[in-house]
Amino acid sequence: MTKNEISYIDVWSDCPEKWQTACKDFWLESKALPNDDALETRIKQLCTLAVDGDRLVAVSTVFKAEYKPLRCELYFFRCLVSPEYRRRLIARQLAITSRKTMEAFSAKYPTTSAAGMAVTVESPVYSEMSHRAIWPSGLNLVGYTNQGQQVRVAWFQGALLK
C-alpha cells in the first residue's frame, strides 16, 4: 500500500456524525484518552482525518492556546496514527493538511485567528529528525518544554506577533 491510497478529509468545525463515531471508537480502541469527557473535548477539536477506503486510520486535532515564550496564540496540533499505518508519512501529511486548514480558517476569521500551528513533539519516532531546524512539513524548531520535548511552529502567512 502506498500513501497515495490514503485520503485526507478536512472536518474542522463540520465533522459528520459518522466520522465523529469512528473517531471515538478509534480513540477508545487505542486507549489514547483517559475518559469520556476527554472524548467530547477532542471531538470538538477534530481537524483532519486520514482514511483508507472507509476505514479511519489516523486523526488530527487542534486547539488554540497562548504560547507564552513566543507571546502569541497558536493552534496546537495532535495526531494519532493506527499502529499498522505508522512510518508511512501519514502524520506528516496530517500536519501539512491541518496547517493549511487552520491557516485558511485564520485568514477567513482574523479576529479569532492564531499566528500559526504548533506541535510539542512527544513521540521518540521523530528523534532521527530532531536535529533538523525545519521539518519537511514546515514545522520550525522554536524551543523546548521543561521536559525537554521540542516545540515546533509553522507560521501562517501574514502572521503578526504582539
C-alpha atoms as a PDB file:
ATOM      1  CA  MET A   1       0.000   0.000   0.000  1.00  0.00           C
ATOM      2  CA  THR A   2       1.287   3.489  -0.785  1.00  0.00           C
ATOM      3  CA  LYS A   3       0.470   6.740   0.928  1.00  0.00           C
ATOM      4  CA  ASN A   4      -1.408   7.767  -2.239  1.00  0.00           C
ATOM      5  CA  GLU A   5      -4.194   5.357  -1.256  1.00  0.00           C
ATOM      6  CA  ILE A   6      -4.873   7.373   1.880  1.00  0.00           C
ATOM      7  CA  SER A   7      -7.470  10.146   1.606  1.00  0.00           C
ATOM      8  CA  TYR A   8      -7.343  13.205   3.846  1.00  0.00           C
ATOM      9  CA  ILE A   9     -10.642  14.760   4.908  1.00  0.00           C
ATOM     10  CA  ASP A  10     -10.955  18.253   6.364  1.00  0.00           C
ATOM     11  CA  VAL A  11     -13.534  18.111   9.164  1.00  0.00           C
ATOM     12  CA  TRP A  12     -12.659  21.311  11.044  1.00  0.00           C
ATOM     13  CA  SER A  13     -15.856  22.779  12.534  1.00  0.00           C
ATOM     14  CA  ASP A  14     -18.031  20.438  10.435  1.00  0.00           C
ATOM     15  CA  CYS A  15     -17.426  16.772  11.185  1.00  0.00           C
ATOM     16  CA  PRO A  16     -20.207  14.403  10.078  1.00  0.00           C
ATOM     17  CA  GLU A  17     -21.661  12.162  12.791  1.00  0.00           C
ATOM     18  CA  LYS A  18     -20.326   9.056  11.007  1.00  0.00           C
ATOM     19  CA  TRP A  19     -16.752  10.279  11.429  1.00  0.00           C
ATOM     20  CA  GLN A  20     -17.308  11.516  14.990  1.00  0.00           C
ATOM     21  CA  THR A  21     -18.383   7.998  15.954  1.00  0.00           C
ATOM     22  CA  ALA A  22     -15.422   6.486  14.089  1.00  0.00           C
ATOM     23  CA  CYS A  23     -13.041   8.848  15.913  1.00  0.00           C
ATOM     24  CA  LYS A  24     -14.480   7.988  19.312  1.00  0.00           C
ATOM     25  CA  ASP A  25     -14.115   4.277  18.560  1.00  0.00           C
ATOM     26  CA  PHE A  26     -10.569   4.842  17.256  1.00  0.00           C
ATOM     27  CA  TRP A  27      -9.507   6.696  20.406  1.00  0.00           C
ATOM     28  CA  LEU A  28     -11.158   4.130  22.693  1.00  0.00           C
ATOM     29  CA  GLU A  29      -9.526   1.177  20.893  1.00  0.00           C
ATOM     30  CA  SER A  30      -6.162   2.972  21.078  1.00  0.00           C
ATOM     31  CA  LYS A  31      -6.655   3.812  24.767  1.00  0.00           C
ATOM     32  CA  ALA A  32      -5.477   7.286  23.781  1.00  0.00           C
ATOM     33  CA  LEU A  33      -7.793   9.278  26.050  1.00  0.00           C
ATOM     34  CA  PRO A  34      -8.392   8.987  29.777  1.00  0.00           C
ATOM     35  CA  ASN A  35     -12.202   9.375  29.922  1.00  0.00           C
ATOM     36  CA  ASP A  36     -15.452  10.294  28.172  1.00  0.00           C
ATOM     37  CA  ASP A  37     -15.007  13.994  28.954  1.00  0.00           C
ATOM     38  CA  ALA A  38     -11.754  13.949  27.020  1.00  0.00           C
ATOM     39  CA  LEU A  39     -13.546  12.262  24.115  1.00  0.00           C
ATOM     40  CA  GLU A  40     -16.140  15.024  23.915  1.00  0.00           C
ATOM     41  CA  THR A  41     -13.458  17.714  24.104  1.00  0.00           C
ATOM     42  CA  ARG A  42     -11.408  16.123  21.326  1.00  0.00           C
ATOM     43  CA  ILE A  43     -14.430  15.704  19.069  1.00  0.00           C
ATOM     44  CA  LYS A  44     -14.814  19.498  19.100  1.00  0.00           C
ATOM     45  CA  GLN A  45     -11.134  19.825  18.100  1.00  0.00           C
ATOM     46  CA  LEU A  46     -11.176  17.481  15.091  1.00  0.00           C
ATOM     47  CA  CYS A  47      -9.309  18.882  12.121  1.00  0.00           C
ATOM     48  CA  THR A  48      -8.215  16.261   9.574  1.00  0.00           C
ATOM     49  CA  LEU A  49      -8.943  12.568   9.123  1.00  0.00           C
ATOM     50  CA  ALA A  50      -6.876  10.044   7.193  1.00  0.00           C
ATOM     51  CA  VAL A  51      -8.921   7.230   5.725  1.00  0.00           C
ATOM     52  CA  ASP A  52      -8.115   4.118   3.752  1.00  0.00           C
ATOM     53  CA  GLY A  53     -11.341   3.404   1.875  1.00  0.00           C
ATOM     54  CA  ASP A  54     -13.950   3.683   4.633  1.00  0.00           C
ATOM     55  CA  ARG A  55     -11.501   2.883   7.433  1.00  0.00           C
ATOM     56  CA  LEU A  56     -10.267   5.652   9.724  1.00  0.00           C
ATOM     57  CA  VAL A  57      -6.502   5.181  10.098  1.00  0.00           C
ATOM     58  CA  ALA A  58      -5.395   8.485  11.621  1.00  0.00           C
ATOM     59  CA  VAL A  59      -6.847  11.628  13.099  1.00  0.00           C
ATOM     60  CA  SER A  60      -5.618  15.113  13.931  1.00  0.00           C
ATOM     61  CA  THR A  61      -6.991  17.635  16.370  1.00  0.00           C
ATOM     62  CA  VAL A  62      -6.096  21.242  17.064  1.00  0.00           C
ATOM     63  CA  PHE A  63      -6.789  23.563  19.961  1.00  0.00           C
ATOM     64  CA  LYS A  64      -5.933  27.231  20.355  1.00  0.00           C
ATOM     65  CA  ALA A  65      -3.766  28.292  23.271  1.00  0.00           C
ATOM     66  CA  GLU A  66      -1.393  31.051  24.217  1.00  0.00           C
ATOM     67  CA  TYR A  67       2.267  30.123  23.926  1.00  0.00           C
ATOM     68  CA  LYS A  68       3.947  32.490  26.365  1.00  0.00           C
ATOM     69  CA  PRO A  69       7.556  32.085  25.173  1.00  0.00           C
ATOM     70  CA  LEU A  70       6.517  33.468  21.766  1.00  0.00           C
ATOM     71  CA  ARG A  71       3.861  35.846  23.140  1.00  0.00           C
ATOM     72  CA  CYS A  72       1.164  34.680  20.769  1.00  0.00           C
ATOM     73  CA  GLU A  73      -1.733  32.308  20.342  1.00  0.00           C
ATOM     74  CA  LEU A  74      -1.164  29.183  18.291  1.00  0.00           C
ATOM     75  CA  TYR A  75      -3.211  26.213  17.165  1.00  0.00           C
ATOM     76  CA  PHE A  76      -1.639  23.185  18.830  1.00  0.00           C
ATOM     77  CA  PHE A  77      -1.702  20.079  16.653  1.00  0.00           C
ATOM     78  CA  ARG A  78      -2.010  16.497  17.872  1.00  0.00           C
ATOM     79  CA  CYS A  79      -2.367  13.326  15.872  1.00  0.00           C
ATOM     80  CA  LEU A  80      -2.812   9.620  16.335  1.00  0.00           C
ATOM     81  CA  VAL A  81      -1.996   7.100  13.624  1.00  0.00           C
ATOM     82  CA  SER A  82      -3.116   3.477  13.740  1.00  0.00           C
ATOM     83  CA  PRO A  83      -0.082   1.264  14.518  1.00  0.00           C
ATOM     84  CA  GLU A  84      -0.233  -0.642  11.227  1.00  0.00           C
ATOM     85  CA  TYR A  85      -0.187   2.639   9.270  1.00  0.00           C
ATOM     86  CA  ARG A  86       2.775   4.222  11.043  1.00  0.00           C
ATOM     87  CA  ARG A  87       6.051   5.005   9.228  1.00  0.00           C
ATOM     88  CA  ARG A  88       4.149   5.872   6.046  1.00  0.00           C
ATOM     89  CA  LEU A  89       4.384   9.686   6.337  1.00  0.00           C
ATOM     90  CA  ILE A  90       0.719   9.930   7.339  1.00  0.00           C
ATOM     91  CA  ALA A  91       1.492  12.080  10.385  1.00  0.00           C
ATOM     92  CA  ARG A  92       3.474  14.464   8.178  1.00  0.00           C
ATOM     93  CA  GLN A  93       0.617  14.758   5.703  1.00  0.00           C
ATOM     94  CA  LEU A  94      -1.859  15.276   8.550  1.00  0.00           C
ATOM     95  CA  ALA A  95       0.319  18.143   9.809  1.00  0.00           C
ATOM     96  CA  ILE A  96       0.564  19.719   6.352  1.00  0.00           C
ATOM     97  CA  THR A  97      -3.154  19.375   5.673  1.00  0.00           C
ATOM     98  CA  SER A  98      -4.144  20.594   9.149  1.00  0.00           C
ATOM     99  CA  ARG A  99      -1.847  23.608   8.843  1.00  0.00           C
ATOM    100  CA  LYS A 100      -3.465  24.579   5.526  1.00  0.00           C
ATOM    101  CA  THR A 101      -6.931  24.181   7.045  1.00  0.00           C
ATOM    102  CA  MET A 102      -6.124  26.304  10.075  1.00  0.00           C
ATOM    103  CA  GLU A 103      -4.306  28.940   8.031  1.00  0.00           C
ATOM    104  CA  ALA A 104      -7.365  29.296   5.763  1.00  0.00           C
ATOM    105  CA  PHE A 105      -9.618  29.478   8.833  1.00  0.00           C
ATOM    106  CA  SER A 106      -7.408  32.179  10.361  1.00  0.00           C
ATOM    107  CA  ALA A 107      -7.476  34.203   7.136  1.00  0.00           C
ATOM    108  CA  LYS A 108     -11.276  33.941   6.966  1.00  0.00           C
ATOM    109  CA  TYR A 109     -11.812  34.780  10.663  1.00  0.00           C
ATOM    110  CA  PRO A 110      -8.917  37.076  11.630  1.00  0.00           C
ATOM    111  CA  THR A 111     -10.445  38.199  14.937  1.00  0.00           C
ATOM    112  CA  THR A 112     -10.374  34.625  16.248  1.00  0.00           C
ATOM    113  CA  SER A 113      -7.213  33.544  14.484  1.00  0.00           C
ATOM    114  CA  ALA A 114      -3.819  32.394  15.683  1.00  0.00           C
ATOM    115  CA  ALA A 115      -0.324  33.176  14.393  1.00  0.00           C
ATOM    116  CA  GLY A 116       0.457  29.609  13.362  1.00  0.00           C
ATOM    117  CA  MET A 117       0.265  25.943  14.182  1.00  0.00           C
ATOM    118  CA  ALA A 118       2.457  24.359  16.842  1.00  0.00           C
ATOM    119  CA  VAL A 119       3.313  20.859  17.954  1.00  0.00           C
ATOM    120  CA  THR A 120       5.013  19.505  21.038  1.00  0.00           C
ATOM    121  CA  VAL A 121       6.982  16.504  19.795  1.00  0.00           C
ATOM    122  CA  GLU A 122       6.238  13.606  22.134  1.00  0.00           C
ATOM    123  CA  SER A 123       6.987  10.554  20.020  1.00  0.00           C
ATOM    124  CA  PRO A 124      10.529   9.154  20.069  1.00  0.00           C
ATOM    125  CA  VAL A 125       9.960   8.086  16.438  1.00  0.00           C
ATOM    126  CA  TYR A 126      10.909  11.607  15.394  1.00  0.00           C
ATOM    127  CA  SER A 127      14.271  11.597  17.169  1.00  0.00           C
ATOM    128  CA  GLU A 128      16.074  10.910  13.887  1.00  0.00           C
ATOM    129  CA  MET A 129      14.724  14.219  12.542  1.00  0.00           C
ATOM    130  CA  SER A 130      15.177  16.202  15.750  1.00  0.00           C
ATOM    131  CA  HIS A 131      18.423  17.794  14.568  1.00  0.00           C
ATOM    132  CA  ARG A 132      16.682  19.496  11.633  1.00  0.00           C
ATOM    133  CA  ALA A 133      15.704  23.118  12.304  1.00  0.00           C
ATOM    134  CA  ILE A 134      12.915  22.950   9.717  1.00  0.00           C
ATOM    135  CA  TRP A 135      10.990  19.767   9.026  1.00  0.00           C
ATOM    136  CA  PRO A 136       9.592  18.883   5.577  1.00  0.00           C
ATOM    137  CA  SER A 137       6.120  19.650   6.977  1.00  0.00           C
ATOM    138  CA  GLY A 138       7.178  23.279   7.506  1.00  0.00           C
ATOM    139  CA  LEU A 139       7.413  22.989  11.288  1.00  0.00           C
ATOM    140  CA  ASN A 140      10.312  25.071  12.639  1.00  0.00           C
ATOM    141  CA  LEU A 141      12.081  24.391  15.923  1.00  0.00           C
ATOM    142  CA  VAL A 142      11.337  27.274  18.321  1.00  0.00           C
ATOM    143  CA  GLY A 143      12.260  25.815  21.700  1.00  0.00           C
ATOM    144  CA  TYR A 144      11.830  23.061  24.252  1.00  0.00           C
ATOM    145  CA  THR A 145       9.375  22.239  27.023  1.00  0.00           C
ATOM    146  CA  ASN A 146      10.547  21.855  30.618  1.00  0.00           C
ATOM    147  CA  GLN A 147      10.526  18.089  29.926  1.00  0.00           C
ATOM    148  CA  GLY A 148      12.950  18.537  27.012  1.00  0.00           C
ATOM    149  CA  GLN A 149      10.404  17.958  24.243  1.00  0.00           C
ATOM    150  CA  GLN A 150      10.793  20.010  21.100  1.00  0.00           C
ATOM    151  CA  VAL A 151       8.253  22.710  20.300  1.00  0.00           C
ATOM    152  CA  ARG A 152       7.850  23.386  16.586  1.00  0.00           C
ATOM    153  CA  VAL A 153       5.806  26.052  14.810  1.00  0.00           C
ATOM    154  CA  ALA A 154       4.607  26.596  11.257  1.00  0.00           C
ATOM    155  CA  TRP A 155       3.807  30.303  10.975  1.00  0.00           C
ATOM    156  CA  PHE A 156       0.792  31.403   8.966  1.00  0.00           C
ATOM    157  CA  GLN A 157       1.243  33.808   6.072  1.00  0.00           C
ATOM    158  CA  GLY A 158       0.929  37.371   7.334  1.00  0.00           C
ATOM    159  CA  ALA A 159       1.084  36.363  10.998  1.00  0.00           C
ATOM    160  CA  LEU A 160       1.717  39.259  13.348  1.00  0.00           C
ATOM    161  CA  LEU A 161       3.043  38.925  16.862  1.00  0.00           C
ATOM    162  CA  LYS A 162       2.056  41.109  19.794  1.00  0.00           C
END
